[in-house]
Amino acid sequence: MTPPASVHASVVAIWSDALGVGPDELDADADFFLLGGHSLLATQMIARVERAHGVKLRLRDVLDHPFLGEFTELVARAAASTASPVPAPADA
């Protein structure tokens, strides 16, 4: 699954800010922990992602998906599964 560009851009911006690295340093293979991330930063990053995308994540999700590409896919899947369906228009 390729995450929507808006999810990818948002997660890149959050990681970039949390890790103090430029967004150009973050590709799909960027590892949160190898770039200086730790549990406190991960918890702060999760809170920002949750606010931005209306999803619920755990620290375990970052530990299991430390690479930007796979974490972004996880966020996109979570956002898609929590998205409320658009109501059908009423017949006029």
PDB file of N, CA and C in Angstrom:
ATOM      1  N   MET A   1       0.849  -1.183   0.000  1.00  0.00           N
ATOM      2  CA  MET A   1       0.000   0.000   0.000  1.00  0.00           C
ATOM      3  C   MET A   1       0.889   1.240   0.000  1.00  0.00           C
ATOM      4  N   THR A   2       0.633   2.131  -0.886  1.00  0.00           N
ATOM      5  CA  THR A   2       1.347   3.396  -0.922  1.00  0.00           C
ATOM      6  C   THR A   2       0.504   4.419  -0.173  1.00  0.00           C
ATOM      7  N   PRO A   3       1.055   5.000   0.881  1.00  0.00           N
ATOM      8  CA  PRO A   3       0.271   5.965   1.652  1.00  0.00           C
ATOM      9  C   PRO A   3      -0.008   7.221   0.824  1.00  0.00           C
ATOM     10  N   PRO A   4      -1.129   7.883   1.098  1.00  0.00           N
ATOM     11  CA  PRO A   4      -1.405   9.149   0.401  1.00  0.00           C
ATOM     12  C   PRO A   4      -0.278  10.148   0.637  1.00  0.00           C
ATOM     13  N   ALA A   5      -0.061  10.992  -0.343  1.00  0.00           N
ATOM     14  CA  ALA A   5       1.017  11.987  -0.248  1.00  0.00           C
ATOM     15  C   ALA A   5       0.853  12.877   0.979  1.00  0.00           C
ATOM     16  N   SER A   6      -0.385  13.185   1.348  1.00  0.00           N
ATOM     17  CA  SER A   6      -0.610  14.061   2.506  1.00  0.00           C
ATOM     18  C   SER A   6      -0.166  13.391   3.808  1.00  0.00           C
ATOM     19  N   VAL A   7      -0.405  12.080   3.929  1.00  0.00           N
ATOM     20  CA  VAL A   7       0.035  11.351   5.122  1.00  0.00           C
ATOM     21  C   VAL A   7       1.556  11.301   5.145  1.00  0.00           C
ATOM     22  N   HIS A   8       2.148  10.982   4.013  1.00  0.00           N
ATOM     23  CA  HIS A   8       3.606  10.900   3.935  1.00  0.00           C
ATOM     24  C   HIS A   8       4.231  12.247   4.303  1.00  0.00           C
ATOM     25  N   ALA A   9       3.742  13.323   3.709  1.00  0.00           N
ATOM     26  CA  ALA A   9       4.308  14.650   3.975  1.00  0.00           C
ATOM     27  C   ALA A   9       4.160  15.032   5.449  1.00  0.00           C
ATOM     28  N   SER A  10       3.024  14.708   6.023  1.00  0.00           N
ATOM     29  CA  SER A  10       2.786  15.023   7.429  1.00  0.00           C
ATOM     30  C   SER A  10       3.740  14.253   8.335  1.00  0.00           C
ATOM     31  N   VAL A  11       3.888  12.957   8.109  1.00  0.00           N
ATOM     32  CA  VAL A  11       4.772  12.144   8.940  1.00  0.00           C
ATOM     33  C   VAL A  11       6.222  12.586   8.764  1.00  0.00           C
ATOM     34  N   VAL A  12       6.626  12.900   7.546  1.00  0.00           N
ATOM     35  CA  VAL A  12       7.987  13.402   7.310  1.00  0.00           C
ATOM     36  C   VAL A  12       8.212  14.687   8.106  1.00  0.00           C
ATOM     37  N   ALA A  13       7.247  15.598   8.075  1.00  0.00           N
ATOM     38  CA  ALA A  13       7.399  16.864   8.807  1.00  0.00           C
ATOM     39  C   ALA A  13       7.505  16.615  10.312  1.00  0.00           C
ATOM     40  N   ILE A  14       6.698  15.693  10.825  1.00  0.00           N
ATOM     41  CA  ILE A  14       6.724  15.384  12.255  1.00  0.00           C
ATOM     42  C   ILE A  14       8.052  14.736  12.643  1.00  0.00           C
ATOM     43  N   TRP A  15       8.494  13.748  11.864  1.00  0.00           N
ATOM     44  CA  TRP A  15       9.784  13.097  12.141  1.00  0.00           C
ATOM     45  C   TRP A  15      10.917  14.113  12.050  1.00  0.00           C
ATOM     46  N   SER A  16      10.904  14.944  11.020  1.00  0.00           N
ATOM     47  CA  SER A  16      11.958  15.930  10.810  1.00  0.00           C
ATOM     48  C   SER A  16      12.076  16.849  12.026  1.00  0.00           C
ATOM     49  N   ASP A  17      10.945  17.333  12.501  1.00  0.00           N
ATOM     50  CA  ASP A  17      10.942  18.218  13.658  1.00  0.00           C
ATOM     51  C   ASP A  17      11.381  17.478  14.925  1.00  0.00           C
ATOM     52  N   ALA A  18      10.854  16.289  15.142  1.00  0.00           N
ATOM     53  CA  ALA A  18      11.173  15.528  16.351  1.00  0.00           C
ATOM     54  C   ALA A  18      12.652  15.141  16.410  1.00  0.00           C
ATOM     55  N   LEU A  19      13.203  14.780  15.255  1.00  0.00           N
ATOM     56  CA  LEU A  19      14.578  14.277  15.207  1.00  0.00           C
ATOM     57  C   LEU A  19      15.608  15.367  14.943  1.00  0.00           C
ATOM     58  N   GLY A  20      15.137  16.556  14.567  1.00  0.00           N
ATOM     59  CA  GLY A  20      16.063  17.643  14.278  1.00  0.00           C
ATOM     60  C   GLY A  20      16.882  17.410  13.024  1.00  0.00           C
ATOM     61  N   VAL A  21      16.279  16.774  12.027  1.00  0.00           N
ATOM     62  CA  VAL A  21      16.949  16.541  10.746  1.00  0.00           C
ATOM     63  C   VAL A  21      16.112  17.179   9.642  1.00  0.00           C
ATOM     64  N   GLY A  22      16.749  17.459   8.537  1.00  0.00           N
ATOM     65  CA  GLY A  22      16.032  18.021   7.408  1.00  0.00           C
ATOM     66  C   GLY A  22      15.150  16.966   6.747  1.00  0.00           C
ATOM     67  N   PRO A  23      14.024  17.385   6.187  1.00  0.00           N
ATOM     68  CA  PRO A  23      13.145  16.424   5.525  1.00  0.00           C
ATOM     69  C   PRO A  23      13.827  15.704   4.364  1.00  0.00           C
ATOM     70  N   ASP A  24      14.834  16.342   3.762  1.00  0.00           N
ATOM     71  CA  ASP A  24      15.557  15.711   2.661  1.00  0.00           C
ATOM     72  C   ASP A  24      16.428  14.545   3.140  1.00  0.00           C
ATOM     73  N   GLU A  25      16.632  14.437   4.446  1.00  0.00           N
ATOM     74  CA  GLU A  25      17.404  13.324   5.011  1.00  0.00           C
ATOM     75  C   GLU A  25      16.524  12.112   5.314  1.00  0.00           C
ATOM     76  N   LEU A  26      15.222  12.247   5.088  1.00  0.00           N
ATOM     77  CA  LEU A  26      14.276  11.190   5.436  1.00  0.00           C
ATOM     78  C   LEU A  26      13.723  10.526   4.192  1.00  0.00           C
ATOM     79  N   ASP A  27      14.224   9.339   3.923  1.00  0.00           N
ATOM     80  CA  ASP A  27      13.646   8.545   2.841  1.00  0.00           C
ATOM     81  C   ASP A  27      12.942   7.352   3.466  1.00  0.00           C
ATOM     82  N   ALA A  28      12.386   6.484   2.654  1.00  0.00           N
ATOM     83  CA  ALA A  28      11.617   5.339   3.157  1.00  0.00           C
ATOM     84  C   ALA A  28      12.423   4.450   4.090  1.00  0.00           C
ATOM     85  N   ASP A  29      13.740   4.419   3.911  1.00  0.00           N
ATOM     86  CA  ASP A  29      14.595   3.560   4.730  1.00  0.00           C
ATOM     87  C   ASP A  29      15.152   4.256   5.976  1.00  0.00           C
ATOM     88  N   ALA A  30      14.743   5.501   6.223  1.00  0.00           N
ATOM     89  CA  ALA A  30      15.217   6.221   7.399  1.00  0.00           C
ATOM     90  C   ALA A  30      14.713   5.517   8.654  1.00  0.00           C
ATOM     91  N   ASP A  31      15.613   5.251   9.578  1.00  0.00           N
ATOM     92  CA  ASP A  31      15.298   4.543  10.815  1.00  0.00           C
ATOM     93  C   ASP A  31      15.195   5.562  11.956  1.00  0.00           C
ATOM     94  N   PHE A  32      14.039   5.623  12.576  1.00  0.00           N
ATOM     95  CA  PHE A  32      13.785   6.587  13.642  1.00  0.00           C
ATOM     96  C   PHE A  32      14.867   6.539  14.719  1.00  0.00           C
ATOM     97  N   PHE A  33      15.260   5.348  15.110  1.00  0.00           N
ATOM     98  CA  PHE A  33      16.204   5.198  16.210  1.00  0.00           C
ATOM     99  C   PHE A  33      17.649   5.450  15.784  1.00  0.00           C
ATOM    100  N   LEU A  34      18.003   5.090  14.566  1.00  0.00           N
ATOM    101  CA  LEU A  34      19.360   5.370  14.084  1.00  0.00           C
ATOM    102  C   LEU A  34      19.576   6.858  13.830  1.00  0.00           C
ATOM    103  N   LEU A  35      18.485   7.600  13.661  1.00  0.00           N
ATOM    104  CA  LEU A  35      18.588   9.046  13.461  1.00  0.00           C
ATOM    105  C   LEU A  35      18.560   9.807  14.788  1.00  0.00           C
ATOM    106  N   GLY A  36      18.641   9.079  15.898  1.00  0.00           N
ATOM    107  CA  GLY A  36      18.706   9.727  17.203  1.00  0.00           C
ATOM    108  C   GLY A  36      17.432   9.637  18.019  1.00  0.00           C
ATOM    109  N   GLY A  37      16.419   8.981  17.481  1.00  0.00           N
ATOM    110  CA  GLY A  37      15.175   8.831  18.222  1.00  0.00           C
ATOM    111  C   GLY A  37      15.343   7.913  19.418  1.00  0.00           C
ATOM    112  N   HIS A  38      14.534   8.146  20.423  1.00  0.00           N
ATOM    113  CA  HIS A  38      14.505   7.293  21.610  1.00  0.00           C
ATOM    114  C   HIS A  38      13.062   7.252  22.094  1.00  0.00           C
ATOM    115  N   SER A  39      12.822   6.536  23.179  1.00  0.00           N
ATOM    116  CA  SER A  39      11.447   6.296  23.607  1.00  0.00           C
ATOM    117  C   SER A  39      10.680   7.582  23.918  1.00  0.00           C
ATOM    118  N   LEU A  40      11.319   8.563  24.546  1.00  0.00           N
ATOM    119  CA  LEU A  40      10.622   9.808  24.842  1.00  0.00           C
ATOM    120  C   LEU A  40      10.252  10.556  23.562  1.00  0.00           C
ATOM    121  N   LEU A  41      11.199  10.652  22.639  1.00  0.00           N
ATOM    122  CA  LEU A  41      10.895  11.293  21.354  1.00  0.00           C
ATOM    123  C   LEU A  41       9.821  10.522  20.602  1.00  0.00           C
ATOM    124  N   ALA A  42       9.873   9.200  20.657  1.00  0.00           N
ATOM    125  CA  ALA A  42       8.864   8.382  19.977  1.00  0.00           C
ATOM    126  C   ALA A  42       7.482   8.658  20.555  1.00  0.00           C
ATOM    127  N   THR A  43       7.395   8.779  21.868  1.00  0.00           N
ATOM    128  CA  THR A  43       6.108   9.064  22.516  1.00  0.00           C
ATOM    129  C   THR A  43       5.581  10.433  22.088  1.00  0.00           C
ATOM    130  N   GLN A  44       6.452  11.415  22.031  1.00  0.00           N
ATOM    131  CA  GLN A  44       6.048  12.756  21.577  1.00  0.00           C
ATOM    132  C   GLN A  44       5.630  12.730  20.108  1.00  0.00           C
ATOM    133  N   MET A  45       6.386  12.004  19.289  1.00  0.00           N
ATOM    134  CA  MET A  45       6.075  11.898  17.868  1.00  0.00           C
ATOM    135  C   MET A  45       4.730  11.214  17.669  1.00  0.00           C
ATOM    136  N   ILE A  46       4.475  10.158  18.428  1.00  0.00           N
ATOM    137  CA  ILE A  46       3.202   9.441  18.328  1.00  0.00           C
ATOM    138  C   ILE A  46       2.042  10.384  18.643  1.00  0.00           C
ATOM    139  N   ALA A  47       2.175  11.182  19.688  1.00  0.00           N
ATOM    140  CA  ALA A  47       1.111  12.117  20.058  1.00  0.00           C
ATOM    141  C   ALA A  47       0.822  13.096  18.928  1.00  0.00           C
ATOM    142  N   ARG A  48       1.851  13.566  18.261  1.00  0.00           N
ATOM    143  CA  ARG A  48       1.654  14.499  17.140  1.00  0.00           C
ATOM    144  C   ARG A  48       0.995  13.816  15.957  1.00  0.00           C
ATOM    145  N   VAL A  49       1.412  12.580  15.669  1.00  0.00           N
ATOM    146  CA  VAL A  49       0.802  11.833  14.562  1.00  0.00           C
ATOM    147  C   VAL A  49      -0.668  11.544  14.871  1.00  0.00           C
ATOM    148  N   GLU A  50      -0.948  11.184  16.116  1.00  0.00           N
ATOM    149  CA  GLU A  50      -2.333  10.910  16.514  1.00  0.00           C
ATOM    150  C   GLU A  50      -3.209  12.142  16.330  1.00  0.00           C
ATOM    151  N   ARG A  51      -2.710  13.309  16.752  1.00  0.00           N
ATOM    152  CA  ARG A  51      -3.483  14.556  16.586  1.00  0.00           C
ATOM    153  C   ARG A  51      -3.683  14.895  15.114  1.00  0.00           C
ATOM    154  N   ALA A  52      -2.655  14.701  14.335  1.00  0.00           N
ATOM    155  CA  ALA A  52      -2.717  15.075  12.920  1.00  0.00           C
ATOM    156  C   ALA A  52      -3.631  14.161  12.104  1.00  0.00           C
ATOM    157  N   HIS A  53      -3.705  12.882  12.494  1.00  0.00           N
ATOM    158  CA  HIS A  53      -4.410  11.912  11.647  1.00  0.00           C
ATOM    159  C   HIS A  53      -5.565  11.203  12.334  1.00  0.00           C
ATOM    160  N   GLY A  54      -5.827  11.525  13.584  1.00  0.00           N
ATOM    161  CA  GLY A  54      -6.950  10.928  14.278  1.00  0.00           C
ATOM    162  C   GLY A  54      -6.829   9.424  14.459  1.00  0.00           C
ATOM    163  N   VAL A  55      -5.608   8.965  14.691  1.00  0.00           N
ATOM    164  CA  VAL A  55      -5.364   7.531  14.872  1.00  0.00           C
ATOM    165  C   VAL A  55      -4.855   7.285  16.284  1.00  0.00           C
ATOM    166  N   LYS A  56      -4.893   6.035  16.697  1.00  0.00           N
ATOM    167  CA  LYS A  56      -4.360   5.632  17.998  1.00  0.00           C
ATOM    168  C   LYS A  56      -3.179   4.716  17.751  1.00  0.00           C
ATOM    169  N   LEU A  57      -2.006   5.118  18.237  1.00  0.00           N
ATOM    170  CA  LEU A  57      -0.785   4.335  18.071  1.00  0.00           C
ATOM    171  C   LEU A  57      -0.172   4.049  19.430  1.00  0.00           C
ATOM    172  N   ARG A  58       0.712   3.060  19.460  1.00  0.00           N
ATOM    173  CA  ARG A  58       1.421   2.687  20.685  1.00  0.00           C
ATOM    174  C   ARG A  58       2.927   2.789  20.438  1.00  0.00           C
ATOM    175  N   LEU A  59       3.681   2.882  21.499  1.00  0.00           N
ATOM    176  CA  LEU A  59       5.135   2.882  21.372  1.00  0.00           C
ATOM    177  C   LEU A  59       5.588   1.619  20.649  1.00  0.00           C
ATOM    178  N   ARG A  60       4.920   0.523  20.904  1.00  0.00           N
ATOM    179  CA  ARG A  60       5.251  -0.753  20.249  1.00  0.00           C
ATOM    180  C   ARG A  60       5.180  -0.616  18.721  1.00  0.00           C
ATOM    181  N   ASP A  61       4.265   0.215  18.218  1.00  0.00           N
ATOM    182  CA  ASP A  61       4.151   0.413  16.766  1.00  0.00           C
ATOM    183  C   ASP A  61       5.422   1.019  16.192  1.00  0.00           C
ATOM    184  N   VAL A  62       6.037   1.934  16.928  1.00  0.00           N
ATOM    185  CA  VAL A  62       7.288   2.537  16.462  1.00  0.00           C
ATOM    186  C   VAL A  62       8.424   1.521  16.562  1.00  0.00           C
ATOM    187  N   LEU A  63       8.433   0.756  17.635  1.00  0.00           N
ATOM    188  CA  LEU A  63       9.474  -0.267  17.789  1.00  0.00           C
ATOM    189  C   LEU A  63       9.371  -1.330  16.696  1.00  0.00           C
ATOM    190  N   ASP A  64       8.148  -1.683  16.323  1.00  0.00           N
ATOM    191  CA  ASP A  64       7.941  -2.697  15.279  1.00  0.00           C
ATOM    192  C   ASP A  64       8.085  -2.143  13.867  1.00  0.00           C
ATOM    193  N   HIS A  65       7.922  -0.826  13.712  1.00  0.00           N
ATOM    194  CA  HIS A  65       7.980  -0.171  12.391  1.00  0.00           C
ATOM    195  C   HIS A  65       8.866   1.069  12.472  1.00  0.00           C
ATOM    196  N   PRO A  66      10.173   0.898  12.702  1.00  0.00           N
ATOM    197  CA  PRO A  66      11.049   2.055  12.904  1.00  0.00           C
ATOM    198  C   PRO A  66      11.433   2.792  11.621  1.00  0.00           C
ATOM    199  N   PHE A  67      11.170   2.188  10.468  1.00  0.00           N
ATOM    200  CA  PHE A  67      11.530   2.817   9.195  1.00  0.00           C
ATOM    201  C   PHE A  67      10.404   3.716   8.726  1.00  0.00           C
ATOM    202  N   LEU A  68      10.758   4.873   8.201  1.00  0.00           N
ATOM    203  CA  LEU A  68       9.768   5.863   7.786  1.00  0.00           C
ATOM    204  C   LEU A  68       8.725   5.278   6.844  1.00  0.00           C
ATOM    205  N   GLY A  69       9.154   4.521   5.856  1.00  0.00           N
ATOM    206  CA  GLY A  69       8.214   3.977   4.881  1.00  0.00           C
ATOM    207  C   GLY A  69       7.172   3.071   5.514  1.00  0.00           C
ATOM    208  N   GLU A  70       7.627   2.153   6.350  1.00  0.00           N
ATOM    209  CA  GLU A  70       6.672   1.222   6.965  1.00  0.00           C
ATOM    210  C   GLU A  70       5.828   1.912   8.031  1.00  0.00           C
ATOM    211  N   PHE A  71       6.393   2.880   8.753  1.00  0.00           N
ATOM    212  CA  PHE A  71       5.607   3.608   9.746  1.00  0.00           C
ATOM    213  C   PHE A  71       4.524   4.442   9.064  1.00  0.00           C
ATOM    214  N   THR A  72       4.874   5.079   7.964  1.00  0.00           N
ATOM    215  CA  THR A  72       3.903   5.881   7.222  1.00  0.00           C
ATOM    216  C   THR A  72       2.775   5.000   6.699  1.00  0.00           C
ATOM    217  N   GLU A  73       3.094   3.811   6.217  1.00  0.00           N
ATOM    218  CA  GLU A  73       2.053   2.870   5.770  1.00  0.00           C
ATOM    219  C   GLU A  73       1.148   2.484   6.928  1.00  0.00           C
ATOM    220  N   LEU A  74       1.731   2.253   8.094  1.00  0.00           N
ATOM    221  CA  LEU A  74       0.940   1.921   9.280  1.00  0.00           C
ATOM    222  C   LEU A  74      -0.029   3.051   9.608  1.00  0.00           C
ATOM    223  N   VAL A  75       0.447   4.283   9.583  1.00  0.00           N
ATOM    224  CA  VAL A  75      -0.404   5.441   9.869  1.00  0.00           C
ATOM    225  C   VAL A  75      -1.520   5.545   8.835  1.00  0.00           C
ATOM    226  N   ALA A  76      -1.192   5.357   7.565  1.00  0.00           N
ATOM    227  CA  ALA A  76      -2.203   5.441   6.510  1.00  0.00           C
ATOM    228  C   ALA A  76      -3.274   4.365   6.693  1.00  0.00           C
ATOM    229  N   ARG A  77      -2.854   3.135   7.020  1.00  0.00           N
ATOM    230  CA  ARG A  77      -3.828   2.054   7.251  1.00  0.00           C
ATOM    231  C   ARG A  77      -4.715   2.370   8.452  1.00  0.00           C
ATOM    232  N   ALA A  78      -4.098   2.869   9.527  1.00  0.00           N
ATOM    233  CA  ALA A  78      -4.869   3.206  10.724  1.00  0.00           C
ATOM    234  C   ALA A  78      -5.858   4.330  10.440  1.00  0.00           C
ATOM    235  N   ALA A  79      -5.424   5.327   9.689  1.00  0.00           N
ATOM    236  CA  ALA A  79      -6.305   6.444   9.354  1.00  0.00           C
ATOM    237  C   ALA A  79      -7.456   5.977   8.469  1.00  0.00           C
ATOM    238  N   ALA A  80      -7.168   5.085   7.537  1.00  0.00           N
ATOM    239  CA  ALA A  80      -8.218   4.576   6.649  1.00  0.00           C
ATOM    240  C   ALA A  80      -9.232   3.743   7.414  1.00  0.00           C
ATOM    241  N   SER A  81      -8.771   2.995   8.411  1.00  0.00           N
ATOM    242  CA  SER A  81      -9.689   2.139   9.152  1.00  0.00           C
ATOM    243  C   SER A  81     -10.529   2.922  10.156  1.00  0.00           C
ATOM    244  N   THR A  82     -10.071   4.109  10.560  1.00  0.00           N
ATOM    245  CA  THR A  82     -10.852   4.911  11.515  1.00  0.00           C
ATOM    246  C   THR A  82     -11.667   5.981  10.826  1.00  0.00           C
ATOM    247  N   ALA A  83     -11.463   6.147   9.519  1.00  0.00           N
ATOM    248  CA  ALA A  83     -12.203   7.163   8.792  1.00  0.00           C
ATOM    249  C   ALA A  83     -13.679   6.796   8.775  1.00  0.00           C
ATOM    250  N   SER A  84     -14.493   7.749   9.105  1.00  0.00           N
ATOM    251  CA  SER A  84     -15.936   7.480   9.070  1.00  0.00           C
ATOM    252  C   SER A  84     -16.412   7.559   7.623  1.00  0.00           C
ATOM    253  N   PRO A  85     -17.302   6.644   7.252  1.00  0.00           N
ATOM    254  CA  PRO A  85     -17.775   6.652   5.874  1.00  0.00           C
ATOM    255  C   PRO A  85     -18.565   7.936   5.587  1.00  0.00           C
ATOM    256  N   VAL A  86     -18.460   8.382   4.363  1.00  0.00           N
ATOM    257  CA  VAL A  86     -19.189   9.560   3.932  1.00  0.00           C
ATOM    258  C   VAL A  86     -20.648   9.173   3.753  1.00  0.00           C
ATOM    259  N   PRO A  87     -21.567   9.886   4.407  1.00  0.00           N
ATOM    260  CA  PRO A  87     -22.979   9.524   4.259  1.00  0.00           C
ATOM    261  C   PRO A  87     -23.453   9.734   2.830  1.00  0.00           C
ATOM    262  N   ALA A  88     -24.332   8.868   2.408  1.00  0.00           N
ATOM    263  CA  ALA A  88     -24.905   8.976   1.054  1.00  0.00           C
ATOM    264  C   ALA A  88     -25.827  10.195   1.030  1.00  0.00           C
ATOM    265  N   PRO A  89     -25.827  10.905  -0.090  1.00  0.00           N
ATOM    266  CA  PRO A  89     -26.719  12.073  -0.184  1.00  0.00           C
ATOM    267  C   PRO A  89     -28.185  11.617  -0.123  1.00  0.00           C
ATOM    268  N   ALA A  90     -28.973  12.441   0.535  1.00  0.00           N
ATOM    269  CA  ALA A  90     -30.400  12.135   0.641  1.00  0.00           C
ATOM    270  C   ALA A  90     -31.072  12.364  -0.713  1.00  0.00           C
ATOM    271  N   ASP A  91     -32.025  11.516  -1.020  1.00  0.00           N
ATOM    272  CA  ASP A  91     -32.772  11.692  -2.273  1.00  0.00           C
ATOM    273  C   ASP A  91     -33.627  12.949  -2.171  1.00  0.00           C
ATOM    274  N   ALA A  92     -33.552  13.756  -3.196  1.00  0.00           N
ATOM    275  CA  ALA A  92     -34.327  15.001  -3.182  1.00  0.00           C
ATOM    276  C   ALA A  92     -35.707  14.803  -3.746  1.00  0.00           C
TER     277      ALA A  92
END
